[in-house]
């Protein structure tokens, strides 16, 4: 009789185990990166007067250099990279 009670108790613990222990969470955020800017030669930035910000003239897109990073706005967000032609991150 004890064995039957123990078996029933064991099976009930397995069947009614908390489901939350098996739950998982997954979050995915997709932020598109700006299109590449193709430079035939490395850009020559010029300092914006009375600032520590450099701008790249003679390109359609705005691209700046400040604090060791290249910066560029795109679709309402600012992206930065250590390289002027790749590695942009939001």
N, C-alpha and C. Protein backbone atom coordinates (compact mmCIF):
# COMPACT_ATOMS: atom_id res chain seq x y z
N UNK A 1 0.81 -1.18 0.00
CA UNK A 1 0.00 0.00 0.00
C UNK A 1 0.87 1.26 0.00
N UNK A 2 1.94 1.23 0.78
CA UNK A 2 2.84 2.38 0.83
C UNK A 2 3.47 2.64 -0.54
N UNK A 3 3.82 1.56 -1.22
CA UNK A 3 4.43 1.72 -2.54
C UNK A 3 3.45 2.35 -3.52
N UNK A 4 2.20 1.99 -3.45
CA UNK A 4 1.18 2.55 -4.33
C UNK A 4 0.99 4.04 -4.04
N UNK A 5 0.96 4.40 -2.78
CA UNK A 5 0.81 5.81 -2.40
C UNK A 5 2.02 6.61 -2.86
N UNK A 6 3.22 6.06 -2.69
CA UNK A 6 4.43 6.75 -3.13
C UNK A 6 4.45 6.91 -4.64
N UNK A 7 4.01 5.91 -5.39
CA UNK A 7 3.95 6.01 -6.84
C UNK A 7 2.96 7.09 -7.27
N UNK A 8 1.81 7.12 -6.64
CA UNK A 8 0.80 8.13 -6.97
C UNK A 8 1.32 9.52 -6.65
N UNK A 9 1.96 9.68 -5.52
CA UNK A 9 2.53 10.97 -5.13
C UNK A 9 3.62 11.40 -6.11
N UNK A 10 4.49 10.49 -6.49
CA UNK A 10 5.56 10.80 -7.45
C UNK A 10 4.98 11.20 -8.81
N UNK A 11 4.02 10.44 -9.31
CA UNK A 11 3.39 10.76 -10.59
C UNK A 11 2.65 12.10 -10.54
N UNK A 12 2.01 12.39 -9.42
CA UNK A 12 1.29 13.67 -9.31
C UNK A 12 2.27 14.85 -9.29
N UNK A 13 3.44 14.67 -8.71
CA UNK A 13 4.45 15.73 -8.72
C UNK A 13 4.98 15.96 -10.12
N UNK A 14 5.15 14.90 -10.89
CA UNK A 14 5.64 15.04 -12.27
C UNK A 14 4.58 15.68 -13.15
N UNK A 15 3.35 15.23 -13.02
CA UNK A 15 2.28 15.72 -13.88
C UNK A 15 1.94 17.18 -13.57
N UNK A 16 1.91 17.54 -12.31
CA UNK A 16 1.50 18.89 -11.91
C UNK A 16 2.68 19.79 -11.57
N UNK A 17 3.82 19.51 -12.12
CA UNK A 17 5.01 20.34 -11.89
C UNK A 17 4.74 21.75 -12.43
N UNK A 18 5.31 22.76 -11.81
CA UNK A 18 5.08 24.13 -12.28
C UNK A 18 5.53 24.31 -13.73
N UNK A 19 4.64 24.81 -14.54
CA UNK A 19 4.94 25.04 -15.95
C UNK A 19 5.85 26.25 -16.10
N UNK A 20 5.80 27.20 -15.18
CA UNK A 20 6.62 28.40 -15.28
C UNK A 20 8.11 28.09 -15.27
N UNK A 21 8.49 26.96 -14.71
CA UNK A 21 9.90 26.58 -14.70
C UNK A 21 10.39 26.25 -16.10
N UNK A 22 9.47 25.94 -17.00
CA UNK A 22 9.83 25.59 -18.36
C UNK A 22 9.62 26.75 -19.33
N UNK A 23 9.18 27.89 -18.84
CA UNK A 23 8.89 29.03 -19.72
C UNK A 23 10.18 29.72 -20.14
N UNK A 24 10.15 30.37 -21.30
CA UNK A 24 11.30 31.12 -21.79
C UNK A 24 10.85 32.44 -22.38
N UNK A 25 11.77 33.36 -22.47
CA UNK A 25 11.47 34.68 -23.02
C UNK A 25 12.45 34.96 -24.16
N UNK A 26 11.92 35.51 -25.25
CA UNK A 26 12.75 35.87 -26.37
C UNK A 26 12.34 37.25 -26.86
N UNK A 27 13.32 38.15 -26.98
CA UNK A 27 13.07 39.50 -27.46
C UNK A 27 13.94 39.75 -28.67
N UNK A 28 13.35 40.28 -29.73
CA UNK A 28 14.10 40.57 -30.96
C UNK A 28 13.78 41.99 -31.39
N UNK A 29 14.79 42.83 -31.51
CA UNK A 29 14.62 44.19 -31.98
C UNK A 29 15.40 44.34 -33.27
N UNK A 30 14.72 44.77 -34.31
CA UNK A 30 15.37 44.88 -35.61
C UNK A 30 15.49 46.36 -35.98
N UNK A 31 16.69 46.90 -35.89
CA UNK A 31 16.96 48.28 -36.27
C UNK A 31 17.82 48.24 -37.52
N UNK A 32 17.28 48.72 -38.64
CA UNK A 32 18.07 48.64 -39.87
C UNK A 32 19.29 49.56 -39.82
N UNK A 33 20.35 49.12 -40.45
CA UNK A 33 21.56 49.93 -40.51
C UNK A 33 21.50 50.85 -41.72
N UNK A 34 22.17 51.99 -41.63
CA UNK A 34 22.16 52.91 -42.78
C UNK A 34 22.92 52.30 -43.96
N UNK A 35 22.58 52.75 -45.17
CA UNK A 35 23.30 52.23 -46.33
C UNK A 35 24.76 52.68 -46.31
N UNK A 36 25.59 51.91 -46.98
CA UNK A 36 27.02 52.23 -47.02
C UNK A 36 27.26 53.51 -47.81
N UNK A 37 28.27 54.24 -47.40
CA UNK A 37 28.73 55.39 -48.17
C UNK A 37 30.03 54.95 -48.84
N UNK A 38 30.05 55.01 -50.15
CA UNK A 38 31.23 54.58 -50.90
C UNK A 38 32.16 55.77 -51.13
N UNK A 39 33.37 55.66 -50.63
CA UNK A 39 34.38 56.70 -50.80
C UNK A 39 35.45 56.18 -51.75
N UNK A 40 35.74 56.89 -52.84
CA UNK A 40 36.82 56.43 -53.72
C UNK A 40 38.19 56.54 -53.04
N UNK A 41 38.32 57.53 -52.17
CA UNK A 41 39.53 57.71 -51.36
C UNK A 41 39.07 58.04 -49.94
N UNK A 42 39.90 57.82 -48.94
CA UNK A 42 39.49 58.18 -47.57
C UNK A 42 39.08 59.65 -47.48
N UNK A 43 38.02 59.94 -46.73
CA UNK A 43 37.56 61.33 -46.63
C UNK A 43 38.54 62.19 -45.84
N UNK A 44 38.54 63.47 -46.16
CA UNK A 44 39.38 64.43 -45.44
C UNK A 44 38.42 65.35 -44.68
N UNK A 45 38.24 65.09 -43.38
CA UNK A 45 37.32 65.93 -42.62
C UNK A 45 37.92 67.30 -42.33
N UNK A 46 37.05 68.28 -42.20
CA UNK A 46 37.47 69.64 -41.85
C UNK A 46 36.78 70.02 -40.55
N UNK A 47 37.48 70.77 -39.72
CA UNK A 47 36.94 71.14 -38.42
C UNK A 47 35.83 72.18 -38.59
N UNK A 48 34.78 72.02 -37.83
CA UNK A 48 33.73 73.03 -37.78
C UNK A 48 34.23 74.09 -36.81
N UNK A 49 34.29 75.36 -37.25
CA UNK A 49 34.88 76.41 -36.39
C UNK A 49 34.28 76.45 -34.99
N UNK A 50 35.15 76.68 -34.03
CA UNK A 50 34.83 76.82 -32.61
C UNK A 50 34.22 75.56 -32.00
N UNK A 51 34.53 74.39 -32.58
CA UNK A 51 34.06 73.11 -32.02
C UNK A 51 35.19 72.10 -32.10
N UNK A 52 34.94 70.93 -31.56
CA UNK A 52 35.85 69.79 -31.70
C UNK A 52 35.29 68.78 -32.69
N UNK A 53 34.34 69.21 -33.50
CA UNK A 53 33.66 68.34 -34.45
C UNK A 53 34.22 68.57 -35.84
N UNK A 54 34.47 67.46 -36.54
CA UNK A 54 34.93 67.52 -37.92
C UNK A 54 33.80 67.05 -38.83
N UNK A 55 33.64 67.68 -39.96
CA UNK A 55 32.64 67.29 -40.96
C UNK A 55 33.34 66.89 -42.24
N UNK A 56 32.68 66.04 -43.01
CA UNK A 56 33.22 65.61 -44.30
C UNK A 56 32.49 66.39 -45.38
N UNK A 57 33.18 67.29 -46.06
CA UNK A 57 32.52 68.05 -47.12
C UNK A 57 32.42 67.24 -48.42
N UNK A 58 31.63 67.73 -49.31
CA UNK A 58 31.53 67.18 -50.67
C UNK A 58 30.99 65.75 -50.74
N UNK A 59 30.14 65.35 -49.78
CA UNK A 59 29.40 64.09 -49.87
C UNK A 59 27.93 64.40 -49.60
N UNK A 60 27.03 63.62 -50.19
CA UNK A 60 25.61 63.89 -50.02
C UNK A 60 25.14 63.64 -48.59
N UNK A 61 25.62 62.59 -47.97
CA UNK A 61 25.20 62.26 -46.61
C UNK A 61 26.00 63.05 -45.58
N UNK A 62 25.37 63.34 -44.45
CA UNK A 62 26.08 63.99 -43.36
C UNK A 62 26.92 62.94 -42.64
N UNK A 63 28.18 63.25 -42.45
CA UNK A 63 29.08 62.37 -41.70
C UNK A 63 30.07 63.24 -40.95
N UNK A 64 30.24 62.92 -39.67
CA UNK A 64 31.06 63.74 -38.78
C UNK A 64 32.06 62.86 -38.03
N UNK A 65 33.10 63.50 -37.51
CA UNK A 65 34.07 62.81 -36.68
C UNK A 65 34.18 63.58 -35.38
N UNK A 66 34.00 62.88 -34.25
CA UNK A 66 34.09 63.52 -32.94
C UNK A 66 34.40 62.47 -31.88
N UNK A 67 35.35 62.77 -31.02
CA UNK A 67 35.65 61.90 -29.89
C UNK A 67 36.12 60.50 -30.26
N UNK A 68 36.81 60.37 -31.40
CA UNK A 68 37.30 59.06 -31.81
C UNK A 68 36.28 58.23 -32.56
N UNK A 69 35.11 58.77 -32.82
CA UNK A 69 34.04 58.06 -33.51
C UNK A 69 33.60 58.83 -34.76
N UNK A 70 33.20 58.08 -35.77
CA UNK A 70 32.52 58.66 -36.92
C UNK A 70 31.03 58.61 -36.61
N UNK A 71 30.31 59.67 -36.91
CA UNK A 71 28.88 59.78 -36.61
C UNK A 71 28.11 60.10 -37.88
N UNK A 72 26.90 59.56 -37.98
CA UNK A 72 26.04 59.92 -39.10
C UNK A 72 24.57 59.74 -38.72
N UNK A 73 23.75 60.73 -39.06
CA UNK A 73 22.31 60.57 -38.82
C UNK A 73 21.68 59.81 -39.98
N UNK A 74 20.66 59.01 -39.66
CA UNK A 74 19.92 58.31 -40.71
C UNK A 74 18.56 57.92 -40.16
N UNK A 75 17.52 58.35 -40.84
CA UNK A 75 16.13 58.06 -40.49
C UNK A 75 15.83 58.36 -39.02
N UNK A 76 16.25 59.53 -38.56
CA UNK A 76 15.92 59.97 -37.20
C UNK A 76 16.77 59.38 -36.10
N UNK A 77 17.79 58.61 -36.44
CA UNK A 77 18.67 58.02 -35.42
C UNK A 77 20.12 58.39 -35.74
N UNK A 78 20.96 58.36 -34.72
CA UNK A 78 22.38 58.59 -34.91
C UNK A 78 23.10 57.26 -34.83
N UNK A 79 24.01 57.05 -35.75
CA UNK A 79 24.82 55.85 -35.78
C UNK A 79 26.29 56.25 -35.63
N UNK A 80 27.08 55.35 -35.05
CA UNK A 80 28.50 55.66 -34.89
C UNK A 80 29.34 54.43 -35.25
N UNK A 81 30.60 54.72 -35.58
CA UNK A 81 31.53 53.66 -35.95
C UNK A 81 32.95 54.16 -35.75
N UNK A 82 33.87 53.23 -35.56
CA UNK A 82 35.28 53.60 -35.51
C UNK A 82 35.85 53.77 -36.92
N UNK A 83 35.07 53.36 -37.93
CA UNK A 83 35.50 53.41 -39.32
C UNK A 83 34.50 54.25 -40.12
N UNK A 84 34.96 54.99 -41.08
CA UNK A 84 34.07 55.85 -41.86
C UNK A 84 33.25 55.08 -42.88
N UNK A 85 33.62 53.86 -43.19
CA UNK A 85 32.95 53.14 -44.27
C UNK A 85 32.29 51.82 -43.85
N UNK A 86 32.30 51.49 -42.57
CA UNK A 86 31.69 50.22 -42.12
C UNK A 86 31.54 50.22 -40.61
N UNK A 87 30.84 49.21 -40.11
CA UNK A 87 30.72 49.00 -38.68
C UNK A 87 29.76 49.92 -37.96
N UNK A 88 28.77 50.47 -38.66
CA UNK A 88 27.84 51.41 -38.03
C UNK A 88 26.93 50.68 -37.04
N UNK A 89 26.72 51.31 -35.89
CA UNK A 89 25.84 50.76 -34.86
C UNK A 89 24.98 51.87 -34.30
N UNK A 90 23.76 51.52 -33.90
CA UNK A 90 22.80 52.47 -33.35
C UNK A 90 23.14 52.77 -31.92
